[in-house]
Protein backbone atom coordinates (compact mmCIF):
# COMPACT_ATOMS: atom_id res chain seq x y z
CA MET A 1 93.13 33.19 194.69
CA THR A 2 93.27 29.46 195.47
CA VAL A 3 91.57 27.05 193.10
CA GLN A 4 90.48 23.75 194.66
CA ALA A 5 89.02 20.69 192.99
CA LYS A 6 88.12 17.12 193.82
CA ALA A 7 89.55 14.52 191.46
CA LEU A 8 90.10 10.81 190.96
CA ILE A 9 93.68 9.89 190.17
CA THR A 10 95.35 6.72 188.98
CA LEU A 11 99.10 6.29 189.44
CA LEU A 12 101.15 4.09 187.13
CA PRO A 13 102.84 1.08 188.79
CA SER A 14 106.59 1.53 189.36
CA ASP A 15 107.45 -1.09 186.72
CA GLN A 16 105.44 0.85 184.13
CA GLY A 17 107.19 4.18 184.65
CA GLY A 18 105.35 5.29 187.76
CA LEU A 19 106.87 6.67 190.95
CA PRO A 20 109.57 4.47 192.51
CA HIS A 21 108.03 4.90 195.97
CA GLU A 22 104.87 6.07 197.70
CA LEU A 23 104.27 9.71 198.53
CA PRO A 24 102.73 11.05 201.76
CA PHE A 25 98.97 11.65 201.62
CA ARG A 26 99.70 15.41 201.38
CA THR A 27 102.28 16.26 198.74
CA GLN A 28 103.52 18.97 196.44
CA SER A 29 105.83 16.56 194.58
CA LEU A 30 103.49 16.13 191.60
CA VAL A 31 102.68 18.62 188.85
CA ILE A 32 99.23 18.73 187.25
CA CYS A 33 99.39 18.95 183.42
CA ALA A 34 95.91 20.01 182.44
CA CYS A 35 94.55 20.30 178.91
CA THR A 36 91.87 22.51 177.42
CA GLY A 37 90.10 19.52 175.88
CA GLU A 38 91.99 19.95 172.62
CA GLU A 39 93.77 16.91 171.20
CA ASP A 40 96.92 18.93 170.50
CA SER A 41 99.23 18.68 173.53
CA ARG A 42 100.51 22.25 173.03
CA PHE A 43 97.34 23.32 174.83
CA SER A 44 98.56 21.50 177.90
CA ARG A 45 99.27 23.70 180.96
CA PRO A 46 101.36 22.63 183.98
CA PHE A 47 100.31 23.74 187.49
CA GLN A 48 102.20 23.42 190.74
CA ALA A 49 99.64 22.02 193.16
CA ALA A 50 99.16 20.61 196.60
CA ILE A 51 97.53 17.19 196.35
CA THR A 52 95.88 15.66 199.41
CA ALA A 53 94.40 12.18 199.54
CA ASP A 54 90.94 12.45 201.12
CA ASP A 55 91.41 9.14 203.00
CA GLU A 56 94.79 10.35 204.39
CA GLU A 57 96.46 7.23 202.95
CA PRO A 58 99.80 7.49 201.12
CA LEU A 59 99.75 7.88 197.33
CA THR A 60 101.14 4.54 196.18
CA PRO A 61 102.34 3.57 192.71
CA GLY A 62 99.57 1.52 191.08
CA ASP A 63 96.75 3.25 193.01
CA ARG A 64 93.54 3.38 191.03
CA LEU A 65 90.76 5.93 191.45
CA HIS A 66 92.22 7.52 194.58
CA VAL A 67 90.05 10.48 195.65
CA VAL A 68 92.14 13.61 196.17
CA THR A 69 91.77 17.33 196.63
CA ILE A 70 93.90 19.54 194.40
CA ALA A 71 94.78 23.10 195.46
CA THR A 72 96.71 25.62 193.39
CA THR A 73 97.23 29.36 193.57
CA ASP A 74 97.64 29.66 189.78
CA ASP A 75 94.74 31.86 188.64
CA ASP A 76 94.74 30.20 185.18
CA ALA A 77 93.73 26.88 186.79
CA VAL A 78 90.10 28.05 186.79
CA GLU A 79 90.01 27.50 183.03
CA TYR A 80 91.54 24.00 183.21
CA LEU A 81 90.37 22.32 186.40
CA ARG A 82 86.70 22.01 185.54
CA PRO A 83 84.45 19.00 186.18
CA GLY A 84 85.09 16.29 183.59
CA GLU A 85 88.50 17.64 182.54
CA ARG A 86 91.33 15.12 182.39
CA PHE A 87 94.91 15.77 183.43
CA ARG A 88 98.26 14.06 183.67
CA LEU A 89 100.39 13.77 186.79
CA TRP A 90 104.04 14.59 186.19
CA CYS A 91 107.19 14.09 188.29
CA GLY A 92 110.00 14.41 185.76
CA HIS A 93 107.85 12.29 183.44
CA ASP A 94 104.22 11.15 183.34
CA VAL A 95 103.45 9.07 186.45
CA GLY A 96 99.65 8.94 186.34
CA SER A 97 96.46 10.61 185.29
CA GLY A 98 93.22 11.93 186.70
CA ILE A 99 89.86 13.47 186.09
CA VAL A 100 88.27 16.39 187.91
CA SER A 101 84.98 15.44 189.55
CA ARG A 102 84.02 18.89 190.88
CA ARG A 103 85.50 22.23 191.74
CA LEU A 104 85.35 23.42 195.31
CA ILE A 105 86.58 27.01 194.89
């Protein structure tokens, strides 16, 4: 099963630990680290995902509130990628964050 969700993401600027370069508008270079809403980070769950910018513009360090579609085949994502849930974007370290606006599938 594929889980898809719309989200708003914000990428850290390069000088604040973000990506050193932009990524294409469709990428699998970022990992979604979703939480269950608990404060304790041990409830965090990483997901490999395809992230596609809805405007087909590159994902650039420092981007704010970029609308994307997230797609993952991890069945557990259903429990984590719900509207209002926050997540971190990871590429060797935290490079941004996001919030799910709605689930598509």
